[in-house]
Every structure is written in structure tokens, then in C-alpha cells.
Amino acid sequence: MTVANEQHADSFAKPSLLFFHSASSGRCRRVEGFLAQVLQRRSNHDTFKLLRVDADAETELVERFKIEAVPTLVVVADKRAQAWLSNPQGCRDIERFLAPWLR
């Protein structure tokens, strides 16, 4: 298997973490900081393929994932949305939510 194929295969094995946010929301910016802290602990920054989704611009994705509020985190694994967390209150909320995937 070539390096390109290995990276391509790895991207399918790695779950995606969708971060639905709004650029005009201070709450979203705070949650983004909490998320960064959680993913950097214990080298978890490579656990997910992190995708930032601007909820104002990507209304089709917002509807598809049934997002009712921002910020919302969605874990997509095995081609399915596995879990949602709306309006996390801090690092502990995010860490508990992501615990099944974190090392």
C-alpha cells in the first residue's frame, strides 16, 4: 500500500468531529477554546478529523444533522452520526461527551 493509500484508508477509520458554530457567537468562540484544550490533552488532537461548520453558511448540513442550536458537536463514525452535544458548558462536558473515542 502506498503512503497516499494508507492516509486515505486512515481517514476512513478516524471519526469526524463536526463543530457547528456561528462566527457572530461569543459562546461558540469560548466552546472552540474548550474543545482545543480537550483535544490537546493526552495527545488526543489526532483522534478526530475536526471539521468546523459555519451554521449560517451551511444551512443544508444544519438541517441534515438536525442542529437546533450552536455551538453543537457531532461525532460521525462508520458513516453515521453517533452522538450530539449541544451547548457544552466547558471542558468537562466535552471530555465526557468524547470519552468513548479519547485515549
PDB file of N, CA and C in Angstrom:
ATOM      1  N   MET A   1       0.857  -1.179   0.000  1.00  0.00           N
ATOM      2  CA  MET A   1       0.000   0.000   0.000  1.00  0.00           C
ATOM      3  C   MET A   1       0.902   1.241   0.000  1.00  0.00           C
ATOM      4  N   THR A   2       0.600   2.203  -0.824  1.00  0.00           N
ATOM      5  CA  THR A   2       1.393   3.415  -0.879  1.00  0.00           C
ATOM      6  C   THR A   2       1.043   4.331   0.283  1.00  0.00           C
ATOM      7  N   VAL A   3       1.887   5.330   0.526  1.00  0.00           N
ATOM      8  CA  VAL A   3       1.639   6.281   1.605  1.00  0.00           C
ATOM      9  C   VAL A   3       0.303   6.984   1.385  1.00  0.00           C
ATOM     10  N   ALA A   4       0.023   7.392   0.164  1.00  0.00           N
ATOM     11  CA  ALA A   4      -1.243   8.071  -0.139  1.00  0.00           C
ATOM     12  C   ALA A   4      -2.423   7.162   0.180  1.00  0.00           C
ATOM     13  N   ASN A   5      -2.323   5.881  -0.173  1.00  0.00           N
ATOM     14  CA  ASN A   5      -3.416   4.944   0.116  1.00  0.00           C
ATOM     15  C   ASN A   5      -3.570   4.713   1.611  1.00  0.00           C
ATOM     16  N   GLU A   6      -2.439   4.655   2.347  1.00  0.00           N
ATOM     17  CA  GLU A   6      -2.508   4.485   3.795  1.00  0.00           C
ATOM     18  C   GLU A   6      -3.204   5.671   4.444  1.00  0.00           C
ATOM     19  N   GLN A   7      -2.863   6.880   4.007  1.00  0.00           N
ATOM     20  CA  GLN A   7      -3.509   8.066   4.561  1.00  0.00           C
ATOM     21  C   GLN A   7      -4.988   8.070   4.216  1.00  0.00           C
ATOM     22  N   HIS A   8      -5.326   7.663   3.001  1.00  0.00           N
ATOM     23  CA  HIS A   8      -6.729   7.625   2.586  1.00  0.00           C
ATOM     24  C   HIS A   8      -7.496   6.597   3.427  1.00  0.00           C
ATOM     25  N   ALA A   9      -6.905   5.440   3.644  1.00  0.00           N
ATOM     26  CA  ALA A   9      -7.557   4.404   4.455  1.00  0.00           C
ATOM     27  C   ALA A   9      -7.706   4.859   5.892  1.00  0.00           C
ATOM     28  N   ASP A  10      -6.683   5.549   6.427  1.00  0.00           N
ATOM     29  CA  ASP A  10      -6.732   6.044   7.794  1.00  0.00           C
ATOM     30  C   ASP A  10      -7.842   7.069   7.974  1.00  0.00           C
ATOM     31  N   SER A  11      -8.106   7.894   6.945  1.00  0.00           N
ATOM     32  CA  SER A  11      -9.141   8.921   7.082  1.00  0.00           C
ATOM     33  C   SER A  11     -10.522   8.293   7.228  1.00  0.00           C
ATOM     34  N   PHE A  12     -10.713   7.075   6.701  1.00  0.00           N
ATOM     35  CA  PHE A  12     -11.995   6.402   6.880  1.00  0.00           C
ATOM     36  C   PHE A  12     -12.123   5.827   8.284  1.00  0.00           C
ATOM     37  N   ALA A  13     -10.996   5.409   8.877  1.00  0.00           N
ATOM     38  CA  ALA A  13     -11.028   4.807  10.207  1.00  0.00           C
ATOM     39  C   ALA A  13     -11.195   5.870  11.294  1.00  0.00           C
ATOM     40  N   LYS A  14     -10.717   7.069  11.051  1.00  0.00           N
ATOM     41  CA  LYS A  14     -10.750   8.138  12.045  1.00  0.00           C
ATOM     42  C   LYS A  14     -12.144   8.772  12.063  1.00  0.00           C
ATOM     43  N   PRO A  15     -12.783   8.855  13.230  1.00  0.00           N
ATOM     44  CA  PRO A  15     -14.089   9.516  13.280  1.00  0.00           C
ATOM     45  C   PRO A  15     -13.956  11.013  13.011  1.00  0.00           C
ATOM     46  N   SER A  16     -15.015  11.586  12.496  1.00  0.00           N
ATOM     47  CA  SER A  16     -15.048  13.034  12.268  1.00  0.00           C
ATOM     48  C   SER A  16     -15.765  13.696  13.433  1.00  0.00           C
ATOM     49  N   LEU A  17     -15.288  14.865  13.792  1.00  0.00           N
ATOM     50  CA  LEU A  17     -15.934  15.669  14.817  1.00  0.00           C
ATOM     51  C   LEU A  17     -16.364  16.965  14.151  1.00  0.00           C
ATOM     52  N   LEU A  18     -17.657  17.131  13.977  1.00  0.00           N
ATOM     53  CA  LEU A  18     -18.198  18.332  13.363  1.00  0.00           C
ATOM     54  C   LEU A  18     -18.507  19.345  14.446  1.00  0.00           C
ATOM     55  N   PHE A  19     -17.988  20.536  14.279  1.00  0.00           N
ATOM     56  CA  PHE A  19     -18.216  21.627  15.222  1.00  0.00           C
ATOM     57  C   PHE A  19     -19.077  22.662  14.511  1.00  0.00           C
ATOM     58  N   PHE A  20     -20.372  22.635  14.803  1.00  0.00           N
ATOM     59  CA  PHE A  20     -21.308  23.603  14.226  1.00  0.00           C
ATOM     60  C   PHE A  20     -21.222  24.877  15.052  1.00  0.00           C
ATOM     61  N   HIS A  21     -20.931  25.992  14.371  1.00  0.00           N
ATOM     62  CA  HIS A  21     -20.711  27.253  15.073  1.00  0.00           C
ATOM     63  C   HIS A  21     -21.252  28.409  14.248  1.00  0.00           C
ATOM     64  N   SER A  22     -21.258  29.576  14.855  1.00  0.00           N
ATOM     65  CA  SER A  22     -21.603  30.816  14.177  1.00  0.00           C
ATOM     66  C   SER A  22     -20.497  31.824  14.474  1.00  0.00           C
ATOM     67  N   ALA A  23     -20.014  32.482  13.444  1.00  0.00           N
ATOM     68  CA  ALA A  23     -18.920  33.441  13.609  1.00  0.00           C
ATOM     69  C   ALA A  23     -19.314  34.607  14.513  1.00  0.00           C
ATOM     70  N   SER A  24     -20.597  34.904  14.602  1.00  0.00           N
ATOM     71  CA  SER A  24     -21.055  36.046  15.401  1.00  0.00           C
ATOM     72  C   SER A  24     -21.321  35.691  16.866  1.00  0.00           C
ATOM     73  N   SER A  25     -21.072  34.453  17.255  1.00  0.00           N
ATOM     74  CA  SER A  25     -21.389  33.997  18.609  1.00  0.00           C
ATOM     75  C   SER A  25     -20.148  33.923  19.498  1.00  0.00           C
ATOM     76  N   GLY A  26     -20.155  34.702  20.562  1.00  0.00           N
ATOM     77  CA  GLY A  26     -19.085  34.632  21.547  1.00  0.00           C
ATOM     78  C   GLY A  26     -19.062  33.275  22.234  1.00  0.00           C
ATOM     79  N   ARG A  27     -20.219  32.710  22.467  1.00  0.00           N
ATOM     80  CA  ARG A  27     -20.330  31.382  23.093  1.00  0.00           C
ATOM     81  C   ARG A  27     -19.601  30.329  22.244  1.00  0.00           C
ATOM     82  N   CYS A  28     -19.770  30.410  20.928  1.00  0.00           N
ATOM     83  CA  CYS A  28     -19.098  29.462  20.034  1.00  0.00           C
ATOM     84  C   CYS A  28     -17.587  29.593  20.128  1.00  0.00           C
ATOM     85  N   ARG A  29     -17.085  30.814  20.226  1.00  0.00           N
ATOM     86  CA  ARG A  29     -15.636  31.022  20.350  1.00  0.00           C
ATOM     87  C   ARG A  29     -15.114  30.435  21.664  1.00  0.00           C
ATOM     88  N   ARG A  30     -15.871  30.591  22.745  1.00  0.00           N
ATOM     89  CA  ARG A  30     -15.451  30.012  24.031  1.00  0.00           C
ATOM     90  C   ARG A  30     -15.422  28.484  23.941  1.00  0.00           C
ATOM     91  N   VAL A  31     -16.464  27.904  23.352  1.00  0.00           N
ATOM     92  CA  VAL A  31     -16.524  26.443  23.241  1.00  0.00           C
ATOM     93  C   VAL A  31     -15.400  25.924  22.352  1.00  0.00           C
ATOM     94  N   GLU A  32     -15.038  26.672  21.332  1.00  0.00           N
ATOM     95  CA  GLU A  32     -13.917  26.265  20.477  1.00  0.00           C
ATOM     96  C   GLU A  32     -12.626  26.185  21.296  1.00  0.00           C
ATOM     97  N   GLY A  33     -12.440  27.112  22.220  1.00  0.00           N
ATOM     98  CA  GLY A  33     -11.279  27.065  23.114  1.00  0.00           C
ATOM     99  C   GLY A  33     -11.320  25.858  24.028  1.00  0.00           C
ATOM    100  N   PHE A  34     -12.498  25.557  24.578  1.00  0.00           N
ATOM    101  CA  PHE A  34     -12.647  24.366  25.433  1.00  0.00           C
ATOM    102  C   PHE A  34     -12.310  23.110  24.635  1.00  0.00           C
ATOM    103  N   LEU A  35     -12.826  23.042  23.411  1.00  0.00           N
ATOM    104  CA  LEU A  35     -12.599  21.881  22.554  1.00  0.00           C
ATOM    105  C   LEU A  35     -11.107  21.701  22.275  1.00  0.00           C
ATOM    106  N   ALA A  36     -10.419  22.784  21.971  1.00  0.00           N
ATOM    107  CA  ALA A  36      -8.977  22.713  21.717  1.00  0.00           C
ATOM    108  C   ALA A  36      -8.234  22.172  22.941  1.00  0.00           C
ATOM    109  N   GLN A  37      -8.618  22.614  24.138  1.00  0.00           N
ATOM    110  CA  GLN A  37      -7.971  22.125  25.359  1.00  0.00           C
ATOM    111  C   GLN A  37      -8.174  20.630  25.528  1.00  0.00           C
ATOM    112  N   VAL A  38      -9.399  20.169  25.315  1.00  0.00           N
ATOM    113  CA  VAL A  38      -9.709  18.744  25.487  1.00  0.00           C
ATOM    114  C   VAL A  38      -8.920  17.903  24.491  1.00  0.00           C
ATOM    115  N   LEU A  39      -8.870  18.329  23.245  1.00  0.00           N
ATOM    116  CA  LEU A  39      -8.200  17.527  22.221  1.00  0.00           C
ATOM    117  C   LEU A  39      -6.681  17.539  22.373  1.00  0.00           C
ATOM    118  N   GLN A  40      -6.124  18.548  23.015  1.00  0.00           N
ATOM    119  CA  GLN A  40      -4.677  18.597  23.196  1.00  0.00           C
ATOM    120  C   GLN A  40      -4.213  17.788  24.401  1.00  0.00           C
ATOM    121  N   ARG A  41      -5.111  17.521  25.328  1.00  0.00           N
ATOM    122  CA  ARG A  41      -4.748  16.706  26.490  1.00  0.00           C
ATOM    123  C   ARG A  41      -4.456  15.283  26.048  1.00  0.00           C
ATOM    124  N   ARG A  42      -3.460  14.696  26.648  1.00  0.00           N
ATOM    125  CA  ARG A  42      -3.116  13.291  26.378  1.00  0.00           C
ATOM    126  C   ARG A  42      -2.992  12.999  24.884  1.00  0.00           C
ATOM    127  N   SER A  43      -2.574  13.979  24.103  1.00  0.00           N
ATOM    128  CA  SER A  43      -2.336  13.803  22.660  1.00  0.00           C
ATOM    129  C   SER A  43      -3.573  13.336  21.896  1.00  0.00           C
ATOM    130  N   ASN A  44      -4.731  13.859  22.244  1.00  0.00           N
ATOM    131  CA  ASN A  44      -5.968  13.482  21.557  1.00  0.00           C
ATOM    132  C   ASN A  44      -6.234  14.303  20.299  1.00  0.00           C
ATOM    133  N   HIS A  45      -5.308  15.206  19.940  1.00  0.00           N
ATOM    134  CA  HIS A  45      -5.541  16.067  18.789  1.00  0.00           C
ATOM    135  C   HIS A  45      -5.621  15.289  17.475  1.00  0.00           C
ATOM    136  N   ASP A  46      -5.132  14.045  17.428  1.00  0.00           N
ATOM    137  CA  ASP A  46      -5.209  13.241  16.209  1.00  0.00           C
ATOM    138  C   ASP A  46      -6.337  12.212  16.243  1.00  0.00           C
ATOM    139  N   THR A  47      -7.142  12.226  17.283  1.00  0.00           N
ATOM    140  CA  THR A  47      -8.212  11.244  17.421  1.00  0.00           C
ATOM    141  C   THR A  47      -9.310  11.442  16.384  1.00  0.00           C
ATOM    142  N   PHE A  48      -9.601  12.704  16.077  1.00  0.00           N
ATOM    143  CA  PHE A  48     -10.701  13.038  15.181  1.00  0.00           C
ATOM    144  C   PHE A  48     -10.207  13.816  13.970  1.00  0.00           C
ATOM    145  N   LYS A  49     -10.977  13.742  12.932  1.00  0.00           N
ATOM    146  CA  LYS A  49     -10.834  14.677  11.824  1.00  0.00           C
ATOM    147  C   LYS A  49     -11.806  15.807  12.168  1.00  0.00           C
ATOM    148  N   LEU A  50     -11.278  16.954  12.600  1.00  0.00           N
ATOM    149  CA  LEU A  50     -12.105  18.066  13.062  1.00  0.00           C
ATOM    150  C   LEU A  50     -12.566  18.902  11.881  1.00  0.00           C
ATOM    151  N   LEU A  51     -13.873  19.089  11.771  1.00  0.00           N
ATOM    152  CA  LEU A  51     -14.464  19.880  10.700  1.00  0.00           C
ATOM    153  C   LEU A  51     -15.304  20.987  11.311  1.00  0.00           C
ATOM    154  N   ARG A  52     -14.935  22.220  11.024  1.00  0.00           N
ATOM    155  CA  ARG A  52     -15.688  23.376  11.516  1.00  0.00           C
ATOM    156  C   ARG A  52     -16.771  23.682  10.489  1.00  0.00           C
ATOM    157  N   VAL A  53     -18.014  23.766  10.942  1.00  0.00           N
ATOM    158  CA  VAL A  53     -19.146  24.018  10.055  1.00  0.00           C
ATOM    159  C   VAL A  53     -19.809  25.331  10.455  1.00  0.00           C
ATOM    160  N   ASP A  54     -19.754  26.307   9.567  1.00  0.00           N
ATOM    161  CA  ASP A  54     -20.409  27.598   9.795  1.00  0.00           C
ATOM    162  C   ASP A  54     -21.909  27.393   9.591  1.00  0.00           C
ATOM    163  N   ALA A  55     -22.652  27.382  10.679  1.00  0.00           N
ATOM    164  CA  ALA A  55     -24.088  27.089  10.622  1.00  0.00           C
ATOM    165  C   ALA A  55     -24.854  28.124   9.812  1.00  0.00           C
ATOM    166  N   ASP A  56     -24.361  29.347   9.744  1.00  0.00           N
ATOM    167  CA  ASP A  56     -25.033  30.391   8.974  1.00  0.00           C
ATOM    168  C   ASP A  56     -24.887  30.161   7.471  1.00  0.00           C
ATOM    169  N   ALA A  57     -23.754  29.590   7.057  1.00  0.00           N
ATOM    170  CA  ALA A  57     -23.485  29.376   5.637  1.00  0.00           C
ATOM    171  C   ALA A  57     -23.898  27.988   5.157  1.00  0.00           C
ATOM    172  N   GLU A  58     -23.868  27.007   6.040  1.00  0.00           N
ATOM    173  CA  GLU A  58     -24.128  25.607   5.660  1.00  0.00           C
ATOM    174  C   GLU A  58     -25.490  25.137   6.171  1.00  0.00           C
ATOM    175  N   THR A  59     -26.543  25.828   5.763  1.00  0.00           N
ATOM    176  CA  THR A  59     -27.889  25.526   6.268  1.00  0.00           C
ATOM    177  C   THR A  59     -28.350  24.119   5.896  1.00  0.00           C
ATOM    178  N   GLU A  60     -27.877  23.600   4.771  1.00  0.00           N
ATOM    179  CA  GLU A  60     -28.252  22.247   4.372  1.00  0.00           C
ATOM    180  C   GLU A  60     -27.710  21.213   5.368  1.00  0.00           C
ATOM    181  N   LEU A  61     -26.447  21.397   5.783  1.00  0.00           N
ATOM    182  CA  LEU A  61     -25.866  20.488   6.786  1.00  0.00           C
ATOM    183  C   LEU A  61     -26.558  20.640   8.134  1.00  0.00           C
ATOM    184  N   VAL A  62     -26.920  21.864   8.492  1.00  0.00           N
ATOM    185  CA  VAL A  62     -27.631  22.106   9.754  1.00  0.00           C
ATOM    186  C   VAL A  62     -28.933  21.313   9.767  1.00  0.00           C
ATOM    187  N   GLU A  63     -29.663  21.356   8.671  1.00  0.00           N
ATOM    188  CA  GLU A  63     -30.922  20.598   8.577  1.00  0.00           C
ATOM    189  C   GLU A  63     -30.662  19.103   8.578  1.00  0.00           C
ATOM    190  N   ARG A  64     -29.674  18.672   7.821  1.00  0.00           N
ATOM    191  CA  ARG A  64     -29.373  17.240   7.694  1.00  0.00           C
ATOM    192  C   ARG A  64     -29.012  16.612   9.043  1.00  0.00           C
ATOM    193  N   PHE A  65     -28.255  17.356   9.868  1.00  0.00           N
ATOM    194  CA  PHE A  65     -27.848  16.841  11.180  1.00  0.00           C
ATOM    195  C   PHE A  65     -28.788  17.270  12.305  1.00  0.00           C
ATOM    196  N   LYS A  66     -29.888  17.929  11.927  1.00  0.00           N
ATOM    197  CA  LYS A  66     -30.924  18.347  12.887  1.00  0.00           C
ATOM    198  C   LYS A  66     -30.339  19.198  14.021  1.00  0.00           C
ATOM    199  N   ILE A  67     -29.532  20.183  13.648  1.00  0.00           N
ATOM    200  CA  ILE A  67     -28.903  21.080  14.614  1.00  0.00           C
ATOM    201  C   ILE A  67     -29.915  22.149  14.998  1.00  0.00           C
ATOM    202  N   GLU A  68     -30.196  22.259  16.285  1.00  0.00           N
ATOM    203  CA  GLU A  68     -31.179  23.230  16.771  1.00  0.00           C
ATOM    204  C   GLU A  68     -30.531  24.444  17.414  1.00  0.00           C
ATOM    205  N   ALA A  69     -29.269  24.325  17.831  1.00  0.00           N
ATOM    206  CA  ALA A  69     -28.579  25.437  18.486  1.00  0.00           C
ATOM    207  C   ALA A  69     -27.085  25.323  18.198  1.00  0.00           C
ATOM    208  N   VAL A  70     -26.417  26.468  18.228  1.00  0.00           N
ATOM    209  CA  VAL A  70     -24.962  26.456  18.121  1.00  0.00           C
ATOM    210  C   VAL A  70     -24.402  27.040  19.405  1.00  0.00           C
ATOM    211  N   PRO A  71     -23.304  26.536  19.866  1.00  0.00           N
ATOM    212  CA  PRO A  71     -22.460  25.510  19.276  1.00  0.00           C
ATOM    213  C   PRO A  71     -23.006  24.098  19.536  1.00  0.00           C
ATOM    214  N   THR A  72     -22.776  23.228  18.568  1.00  0.00           N
ATOM    215  CA  THR A  72     -23.118  21.815  18.711  1.00  0.00           C
ATOM    216  C   THR A  72     -21.979  20.988  18.143  1.00  0.00           C
ATOM    217  N   LEU A  73     -21.638  19.923  18.850  1.00  0.00           N
ATOM    218  CA  LEU A  73     -20.631  18.966  18.399  1.00  0.00           C
ATOM    219  C   LEU A  73     -21.334  17.690  17.961  1.00  0.00           C
ATOM    220  N   VAL A  74     -20.884  17.126  16.844  1.00  0.00           N
ATOM    221  CA  VAL A  74     -21.441  15.870  16.339  1.00  0.00           C
ATOM    222  C   VAL A  74     -20.276  14.950  15.990  1.00  0.00           C
ATOM    223  N   VAL A  75     -20.310  13.714  16.505  1.00  0.00           N
ATOM    224  CA  VAL A  75     -19.307  12.718  16.158  1.00  0.00           C
ATOM    225  C   VAL A  75     -19.896  11.836  15.064  1.00  0.00           C
ATOM    226  N   VAL A  76     -19.159  11.737  13.959  1.00  0.00           N
ATOM    227  CA  VAL A  76     -19.561  10.879  12.845  1.00  0.00           C
ATOM    228  C   VAL A  76     -18.520   9.775  12.724  1.00  0.00           C
ATOM    229  N   ALA A  77     -18.969   8.538  12.883  1.00  0.00           N
ATOM    230  CA  ALA A  77     -18.088   7.375  12.769  1.00  0.00           C
ATOM    231  C   ALA A  77     -18.846   6.293  12.016  1.00  0.00           C
ATOM    232  N   ASP A  78     -18.129   5.509  11.253  1.00  0.00           N
ATOM    233  CA  ASP A  78     -18.749   4.447  10.453  1.00  0.00           C
ATOM    234  C   ASP A  78     -19.872   4.997   9.572  1.00  0.00           C
ATOM    235  N   LYS A  79     -19.630   6.189   9.026  1.00  0.00           N
ATOM    236  CA  LYS A  79     -20.555   6.848   8.092  1.00  0.00           C
ATOM    237  C   LYS A  79     -21.903   7.203   8.706  1.00  0.00           C
ATOM    238  N   ARG A  80     -21.966   7.293  10.046  1.00  0.00           N
ATOM    239  CA  ARG A  80     -23.219   7.647  10.728  1.00  0.00           C
ATOM    240  C   ARG A  80     -22.928   8.623  11.861  1.00  0.00           C
ATOM    241  N   ALA A  81     -23.871   9.509  12.094  1.00  0.00           N
ATOM    242  CA  ALA A  81     -23.763  10.383  13.262  1.00  0.00           C
ATOM    243  C   ALA A  81     -23.972   9.513  14.492  1.00  0.00           C
ATOM    244  N   GLN A  82     -22.998   9.507  15.383  1.00  0.00           N
ATOM    245  CA  GLN A  82     -23.031   8.636  16.558  1.00  0.00           C
ATOM    246  C   GLN A  82     -23.505   9.360  17.815  1.00  0.00           C
ATOM    247  N   ALA A  83     -23.192  10.669  17.919  1.00  0.00           N
ATOM    248  CA  ALA A  83     -23.521  11.396  19.145  1.00  0.00           C
ATOM    249  C   ALA A  83     -23.554  12.894  18.868  1.00  0.00           C
ATOM    250  N   TRP A  84     -24.395  13.605  19.629  1.00  0.00           N
ATOM    251  CA  TRP A  84     -24.537  15.060  19.532  1.00  0.00           C
ATOM    252  C   TRP A  84     -24.373  15.672  20.919  1.00  0.00           C
ATOM    253  N   LEU A  85     -23.778  16.843  20.980  1.00  0.00           N
ATOM    254  CA  LEU A  85     -23.704  17.609  22.214  1.00  0.00           C
ATOM    255  C   LEU A  85     -23.987  19.062  21.871  1.00  0.00           C
ATOM    256  N   SER A  86     -25.094  19.565  22.362  1.00  0.00           N
ATOM    257  CA  SER A  86     -25.496  20.938  22.105  1.00  0.00           C
ATOM    258  C   SER A  86     -25.160  21.807  23.309  1.00  0.00           C
ATOM    259  N   ASN A  87     -24.605  22.970  23.058  1.00  0.00           N
ATOM    260  CA  ASN A  87     -24.275  23.958  24.087  1.00  0.00           C
ATOM    261  C   ASN A  87     -23.455  23.397  25.248  1.00  0.00           C
ATOM    262  N   PRO A  88     -22.268  22.835  24.967  1.00  0.00           N
ATOM    263  CA  PRO A  88     -21.432  22.351  26.068  1.00  0.00           C
ATOM    264  C   PRO A  88     -21.068  23.493  27.010  1.00  0.00           C
ATOM    265  N   GLN A  89     -20.985  23.180  28.296  1.00  0.00           N
ATOM    266  CA  GLN A  89     -20.737  24.195  29.316  1.00  0.00           C
ATOM    267  C   GLN A  89     -19.262  24.381  29.635  1.00  0.00           C
ATOM    268  N   GLY A  90     -18.415  23.481  29.178  1.00  0.00           N
ATOM    269  CA  GLY A  90     -16.989  23.603  29.473  1.00  0.00           C
ATOM    270  C   GLY A  90     -16.237  22.352  29.069  1.00  0.00           C
ATOM    271  N   CYS A  91     -14.977  22.295  29.468  1.00  0.00           N
ATOM    272  CA  CYS A  91     -14.117  21.167  29.115  1.00  0.00           C
ATOM    273  C   CYS A  91     -14.658  19.840  29.628  1.00  0.00           C
ATOM    274  N   ARG A  92     -15.188  19.844  30.847  1.00  0.00           N
ATOM    275  CA  ARG A  92     -15.694  18.583  31.419  1.00  0.00           C
ATOM    276  C   ARG A  92     -16.840  18.013  30.595  1.00  0.00           C
ATOM    277  N   ASP A  93     -17.768  18.857  30.157  1.00  0.00           N
ATOM    278  CA  ASP A  93     -18.875  18.393  29.309  1.00  0.00           C
ATOM    279  C   ASP A  93     -18.342  17.762  28.024  1.00  0.00           C
ATOM    280  N   ILE A  94     -17.401  18.444  27.403  1.00  0.00           N
ATOM    281  CA  ILE A  94     -16.846  17.957  26.136  1.00  0.00           C
ATOM    282  C   ILE A  94     -16.064  16.675  26.353  1.00  0.00           C
ATOM    283  N   GLU A  95     -15.285  16.617  27.420  1.00  0.00           N
ATOM    284  CA  GLU A  95     -14.495  15.421  27.710  1.00  0.00           C
ATOM    285  C   GLU A  95     -15.394  14.209  27.977  1.00  0.00           C
ATOM    286  N   ARG A  96     -16.464  14.396  28.745  1.00  0.00           N
ATOM    287  CA  ARG A  96     -17.410  13.293  28.993  1.00  0.00           C
ATOM    288  C   ARG A  96     -18.066  12.849  27.688  1.00  0.00           C
ATOM    289  N   PHE A  97     -18.442  13.806  26.857  1.00  0.00           N
ATOM    290  CA  PHE A  97     -19.093  13.508  25.579  1.00  0.00           C
ATOM    291  C   PHE A  97     -18.167  12.713  24.660  1.00  0.00           C
ATOM    292  N   LEU A  98     -16.893  13.092  24.608  1.00  0.00           N
ATOM    293  CA  LEU A  98     -15.948  12.455  23.698  1.00  0.00           C
ATOM    294  C   LEU A  98     -15.245  11.239  24.298  1.00  0.00           C
ATOM    295  N   ALA A  99     -15.499  10.943  25.572  1.00  0.00           N
ATOM    296  CA  ALA A  99     -14.794   9.864  26.282  1.00  0.00           C
ATOM    297  C   ALA A  99     -14.729   8.537  25.528  1.00  0.00           C
ATOM    298  N   PRO A 100     -15.798   8.099  24.867  1.00  0.00           N
ATOM    299  CA  PRO A 100     -15.704   6.808  24.161  1.00  0.00           C
ATOM    300  C   PRO A 100     -14.644   6.780  23.061  1.00  0.00           C
ATOM    301  N   TRP A 101     -14.235   7.935  22.566  1.00  0.00           N
ATOM    302  CA  TRP A 101     -13.260   7.985  21.470  1.00  0.00           C
ATOM    303  C   TRP A 101     -11.883   8.449  21.919  1.00  0.00           C
ATOM    304  N   LEU A 102     -11.774   9.027  23.103  1.00  0.00           N
ATOM    305  CA  LEU A 102     -10.496   9.549  23.563  1.00  0.00           C
ATOM    306  C   LEU A 102      -9.633   8.450  24.158  1.00  0.00           C
ATOM    307  N   ARG A 103      -8.322   8.657  24.114  1.00  0.00           N
ATOM    308  CA  ARG A 103      -7.361   7.665  24.661  1.00  0.00           C
ATOM    309  C   ARG A 103      -7.224   7.845  26.148  1.00  0.00           C
TER     310      ARG A 103
END
